[in-house]
C-alpha atoms as a PDB file:
ATOM      1  CA  MET A   1      13.284  -5.228   4.664  1.00  0.00           C
ATOM      2  CA  VAL A   2      10.964  -5.849   1.563  1.00  0.00           C
ATOM      3  CA  VAL A   3       8.839  -3.261  -0.445  1.00  0.00           C
ATOM      4  CA  GLU A   4       5.430  -4.025  -1.575  1.00  0.00           C
ATOM      5  CA  TYR A   5       4.219  -2.024  -4.558  1.00  0.00           C
ATOM      6  CA  ILE A   6       0.389  -1.702  -5.247  1.00  0.00           C
ATOM      7  CA  ARG A   7      -0.375   0.016  -8.575  1.00  0.00           C
ATOM      8  CA  TYR A   8      -3.885   1.357  -9.120  1.00  0.00           C
ATOM      9  CA  THR A   9      -5.699   2.914 -12.032  1.00  0.00           C
ATOM     10  CA  ILE A  10      -8.343   5.201 -10.470  1.00  0.00           C
ATOM     11  CA  ALA A  11     -10.794   7.345 -12.409  1.00  0.00           C
ATOM     12  CA  SER A  12     -10.864  11.065 -11.526  1.00  0.00           C
ATOM     13  CA  GLU A  13     -14.514  10.769  -9.981  1.00  0.00           C
ATOM     14  CA  ARG A  14     -13.344   8.203  -7.586  1.00  0.00           C
ATOM     15  CA  GLN A  15      -9.933   9.529  -6.464  1.00  0.00           C
ATOM     16  CA  GLU A  16     -10.980  11.680  -3.682  1.00  0.00           C
ATOM     17  CA  ASP A  17     -12.639   8.577  -2.029  1.00  0.00           C
ATOM     18  CA  PHE A  18      -9.738   6.420  -2.772  1.00  0.00           C
ATOM     19  CA  ILE A  19      -7.191   8.837  -0.929  1.00  0.00           C
ATOM     20  CA  GLU A  20      -9.758   9.068   1.816  1.00  0.00           C
ATOM     21  CA  ALA A  21      -9.993   5.308   2.071  1.00  0.00           C
ATOM     22  CA  TYR A  22      -6.138   4.864   2.341  1.00  0.00           C
ATOM     23  CA  SER A  23      -5.969   7.863   4.824  1.00  0.00           C
ATOM     24  CA  LYS A  24      -8.309   5.735   7.181  1.00  0.00           C
ATOM     25  CA  ALA A  25      -6.587   2.378   6.319  1.00  0.00           C
ATOM     26  CA  SER A  26      -3.191   3.830   7.101  1.00  0.00           C
ATOM     27  CA  LYS A  27      -3.907   3.808  10.661  1.00  0.00           C
ATOM     28  CA  GLN A  28      -3.755   0.029  10.750  1.00  0.00           C
ATOM     29  CA  LEU A  29      -0.379   0.162   8.920  1.00  0.00           C
ATOM     30  CA  ASP A  30       0.659   2.524  11.843  1.00  0.00           C
ATOM     31  CA  ARG A  31      -0.347   0.022  14.244  1.00  0.00           C
ATOM     32  CA  SER A  32       1.535  -2.928  12.738  1.00  0.00           C
ATOM     33  CA  GLU A  33       4.990  -3.930  14.095  1.00  0.00           C
ATOM     34  CA  HIS A  34       5.797  -5.217  10.643  1.00  0.00           C
ATOM     35  CA  CYS A  35       5.061  -2.093   8.717  1.00  0.00           C
ATOM     36  CA  LEU A  36       8.224   0.148   8.735  1.00  0.00           C
ATOM     37  CA  GLY A  37       6.696   2.858   6.289  1.00  0.00           C
ATOM     38  CA  TYR A  38       4.496   3.607   3.497  1.00  0.00           C
ATOM     39  CA  GLU A  39       3.531   6.532   1.150  1.00  0.00           C
ATOM     40  CA  LEU A  40       0.750   6.796  -1.348  1.00  0.00           C
ATOM     41  CA  THR A  41       1.903   8.614  -4.566  1.00  0.00           C
ATOM     42  CA  HIS A  42      -0.131  10.083  -7.470  1.00  0.00           C
ATOM     43  CA  CYS A  43       1.180  10.295 -11.063  1.00  0.00           C
ATOM     44  CA  GLU A  44       1.488  13.734 -12.615  1.00  0.00           C
ATOM     45  CA  GLU A  45       1.866  12.564 -16.111  1.00  0.00           C
ATOM     46  CA  GLU A  46      -0.958   9.975 -15.905  1.00  0.00           C
ATOM     47  CA  PRO A  47      -3.426  11.283 -13.196  1.00  0.00           C
ATOM     48  CA  GLU A  48      -5.338   8.087 -12.983  1.00  0.00           C
ATOM     49  CA  ASN A  49      -2.423   6.161 -11.683  1.00  0.00           C
ATOM     50  CA  PHE A  50      -1.440   5.719  -8.072  1.00  0.00           C
ATOM     51  CA  ILE A  51       1.293   3.621  -6.328  1.00  0.00           C
ATOM     52  CA  LEU A  52       1.129   2.594  -2.869  1.00  0.00           C
ATOM     53  CA  ARG A  53       4.578   1.875  -1.393  1.00  0.00           C
ATOM     54  CA  ILE A  54       4.798  -0.061   1.902  1.00  0.00           C
ATOM     55  CA  GLU A  55       7.953  -1.211   3.584  1.00  0.00           C
ATOM     56  CA  TRP A  56       7.565  -4.472   5.357  1.00  0.00           C
ATOM     57  CA  THR A  57      10.051  -5.999   7.830  1.00  0.00           C
ATOM     58  CA  SER A  58       9.725  -9.128   5.541  1.00  0.00           C
ATOM     59  CA  THR A  59       7.364 -10.673   3.185  1.00  0.00           C
ATOM     60  CA  ALA A  60       6.723 -13.414   5.700  1.00  0.00           C
ATOM     61  CA  ASN A  61       5.822 -10.990   8.466  1.00  0.00           C
ATOM     62  CA  HIS A  62       3.568  -9.144   6.021  1.00  0.00           C
ATOM     63  CA  LEU A  63       1.619 -12.333   4.716  1.00  0.00           C
ATOM     64  CA  ASN A  64       1.850 -14.258   8.112  1.00  0.00           C
ATOM     65  CA  GLY A  65       1.634 -11.417  10.549  1.00  0.00           C
ATOM     66  CA  PHE A  66      -0.247  -8.429   9.442  1.00  0.00           C
ATOM     67  CA  ARG A  67      -2.395 -10.149   6.895  1.00  0.00           C
ATOM     68  CA  LYS A  68      -3.504 -12.543   9.745  1.00  0.00           C
ATOM     69  CA  SER A  69      -4.201  -9.714  12.208  1.00  0.00           C
ATOM     70  CA  GLN A  70      -7.569  -7.990  13.192  1.00  0.00           C
ATOM     71  CA  ASP A  71      -5.730  -4.700  11.872  1.00  0.00           C
ATOM     72  CA  PHE A  72      -5.715  -6.160   8.329  1.00  0.00           C
ATOM     73  CA  MET A  73      -9.472  -6.969   8.549  1.00  0.00           C
ATOM     74  CA  THR A  74     -10.176  -3.249   9.335  1.00  0.00           C
ATOM     75  CA  PHE A  75      -7.580  -2.150   6.574  1.00  0.00           C
ATOM     76  CA  LEU A  76      -9.228  -4.376   4.211  1.00  0.00           C
ATOM     77  CA  ASN A  77     -12.677  -3.098   4.737  1.00  0.00           C
ATOM     78  CA  PHE A  78     -11.380   0.591   3.786  1.00  0.00           C
ATOM     79  CA  VAL A  79      -9.691  -0.311   0.674  1.00  0.00           C
ATOM     80  CA  LYS A  80     -11.708  -3.469  -0.671  1.00  0.00           C
ATOM     81  CA  PRO A  81     -13.892  -1.136  -3.019  1.00  0.00           C
ATOM     82  CA  PHE A  82     -10.705  -0.336  -5.178  1.00  0.00           C
ATOM     83  CA  PHE A  83      -9.469  -4.020  -5.376  1.00  0.00           C
ATOM     84  CA  ASN A  84     -10.669  -4.313  -9.008  1.00  0.00           C
ATOM     85  CA  ASN A  85      -8.495  -1.260  -9.842  1.00  0.00           C
ATOM     86  CA  ILE A  86      -5.264  -3.020  -8.958  1.00  0.00           C
ATOM     87  CA  VAL A  87      -2.902  -3.126 -11.734  1.00  0.00           C
ATOM     88  CA  GLU A  88      -0.016  -4.889  -9.790  1.00  0.00           C
ATOM     89  CA  MET A  89       0.520  -5.928  -6.129  1.00  0.00           C
ATOM     90  CA  ASN A  90       4.059  -7.536  -5.639  1.00  0.00           C
ATOM     91  CA  HIS A  91       6.843  -7.627  -2.948  1.00  0.00           C
ATOM     92  CA  TYR A  92      10.483  -6.407  -4.170  1.00  0.00           C
ATOM     93  CA  ARG A  93      13.850  -6.708  -2.573  1.00  0.00           C
ATOM     94  CA  LEU A  94      16.106  -3.678  -2.626  1.00  0.00           C
ATOM     95  CA  THR A  95      19.344  -4.116  -4.849  1.00  0.00           C
ATOM     96  CA  LYS A  96      22.683  -2.619  -3.983  1.00  0.00           C
ATOM     97  CA  VAL A  97      21.852   0.368  -6.270  1.00  0.00           C
ATOM     98  CA  VAL A  98      20.469   2.730  -3.551  1.00  0.00           C
ATOM     99  CA  LYS A  99      20.922   6.407  -2.555  1.00  0.00           C
ATOM    100  CA  LYS A 100      20.178   6.999   1.122  1.00  0.00           C
ATOM    101  CA  GLN A 101      18.755  10.237   2.075  1.00  0.00           C
END
Protein backbone atom coordinates (compact mmCIF):
# COMPACT_ATOMS: atom_id res chain seq x y z
CA MET A 1 0.00 0.00 0.00
CA VAL A 2 1.06 3.59 -0.68
CA VAL A 3 -0.44 6.85 0.51
CA GLU A 4 -0.94 9.78 -1.83
CA TYR A 5 -1.01 13.20 -0.20
CA ILE A 6 -2.39 16.18 -2.06
CA ARG A 7 -2.00 19.48 -0.23
CA TYR A 8 -4.14 22.43 -1.26
CA THR A 9 -4.36 26.09 -0.37
CA ILE A 10 -8.00 27.18 -0.80
CA ALA A 11 -9.30 30.69 -0.15
CA SER A 12 -12.21 30.87 2.29
CA GLU A 13 -14.73 31.91 -0.38
CA ARG A 14 -13.98 28.72 -2.39
CA GLN A 15 -13.84 26.20 0.45
CA GLU A 16 -17.47 25.15 0.34
CA ASP A 17 -17.22 24.51 -3.43
CA PHE A 18 -13.95 22.63 -2.90
CA ILE A 19 -15.44 20.31 -0.29
CA GLU A 20 -18.52 19.74 -2.45
CA ALA A 21 -16.34 18.92 -5.48
CA TYR A 22 -14.47 16.26 -3.51
CA SER A 23 -17.70 14.95 -2.05
CA LYS A 24 -18.88 14.29 -5.61
CA ALA A 25 -15.49 13.06 -6.85
CA SER A 26 -15.17 10.60 -3.95
CA LYS A 27 -17.81 8.38 -5.55
CA GLN A 28 -15.29 7.53 -8.26
CA LEU A 29 -12.72 6.65 -5.61
CA ASP A 30 -15.32 4.39 -3.99
CA ARG A 31 -15.74 2.56 -7.30
CA SER A 32 -12.01 1.96 -7.82
CA GLU A 33 -10.58 -1.42 -6.88
CA HIS A 34 -7.23 0.34 -6.43
CA CYS A 35 -8.41 2.82 -3.77
CA LEU A 36 -8.32 1.42 -0.23
CA GLY A 37 -9.51 4.56 1.55
CA TYR A 38 -9.35 8.34 1.63
CA GLU A 39 -9.97 11.39 3.77
CA LEU A 40 -10.07 15.11 3.17
CA THR A 41 -8.81 17.11 6.13
CA HIS A 42 -9.02 20.84 6.88
CA CYS A 43 -6.32 22.55 8.94
CA GLU A 44 -7.47 24.22 12.17
CA GLU A 45 -4.43 26.46 12.62
CA GLU A 46 -4.20 27.57 8.97
CA PRO A 47 -7.78 27.33 7.65
CA GLU A 48 -6.81 27.82 4.01
CA ASN A 49 -4.93 24.48 4.06
CA PHE A 50 -6.46 21.13 3.14
CA ILE A 51 -4.89 17.70 2.73
CA LEU A 52 -6.43 14.87 0.74
CA ARG A 53 -5.02 11.50 1.84
CA ILE A 54 -5.68 8.52 -0.46
CA GLU A 55 -4.54 4.96 0.20
CA TRP A 56 -3.79 3.05 -3.01
CA THR A 57 -2.94 -0.61 -3.50
CA SER A 58 0.24 0.63 -5.23
CA THR A 59 1.55 3.63 -7.11
CA ALA A 60 1.48 1.62 -10.34
CA ASN A 61 -2.17 0.65 -9.80
CA HIS A 62 -3.05 4.27 -9.14
CA LEU A 63 -1.23 5.61 -12.20
CA ASN A 64 -1.88 2.75 -14.63
CA GLY A 65 -5.23 1.58 -13.29
CA PHE A 66 -7.33 4.37 -11.82
CA ARG A 67 -5.81 7.22 -13.83
CA LYS A 68 -6.48 5.37 -17.08
CA SER A 69 -10.09 4.59 -16.20
CA GLN A 70 -13.30 6.37 -17.10
CA ASP A 71 -13.86 6.90 -13.37
CA PHE A 72 -10.74 9.08 -13.30
CA MET A 73 -12.08 11.30 -16.08
CA THR A 74 -15.27 11.88 -14.06
CA PHE A 75 -13.20 12.44 -10.89
CA LEU A 76 -11.01 14.93 -12.75
CA ASN A 77 -13.96 16.94 -14.02
CA PHE A 78 -15.10 17.59 -10.45
CA VAL A 79 -11.71 18.63 -9.00
CA LYS A 80 -9.99 20.23 -11.98
CA PRO A 81 -11.07 23.79 -11.01
CA PHE A 82 -8.79 23.45 -7.96
CA PHE A 83 -5.62 22.14 -9.66
CA ASN A 84 -3.90 25.52 -9.50
CA ASN A 85 -4.31 25.37 -5.72
CA ILE A 86 -2.20 22.22 -5.34
CA VAL A 87 0.91 22.73 -3.20
CA GLU A 88 2.06 19.09 -3.22
CA MET A 89 0.93 15.84 -4.83
CA ASN A 90 3.13 12.82 -4.04
CA HIS A 91 3.03 9.13 -3.14
CA TYR A 92 4.53 7.98 0.17
CA ARG A 93 5.39 4.54 1.53
CA LEU A 94 4.74 3.74 5.17
CA THR A 95 7.74 3.25 7.41
CA LYS A 96 7.96 0.87 10.35
CA VAL A 97 6.93 3.71 12.68
CA VAL A 98 3.16 3.12 12.79
CA LYS A 99 0.47 2.88 15.41
CA LYS A 100 -2.44 0.72 14.32
CA GLN A 101 -5.90 1.62 15.55
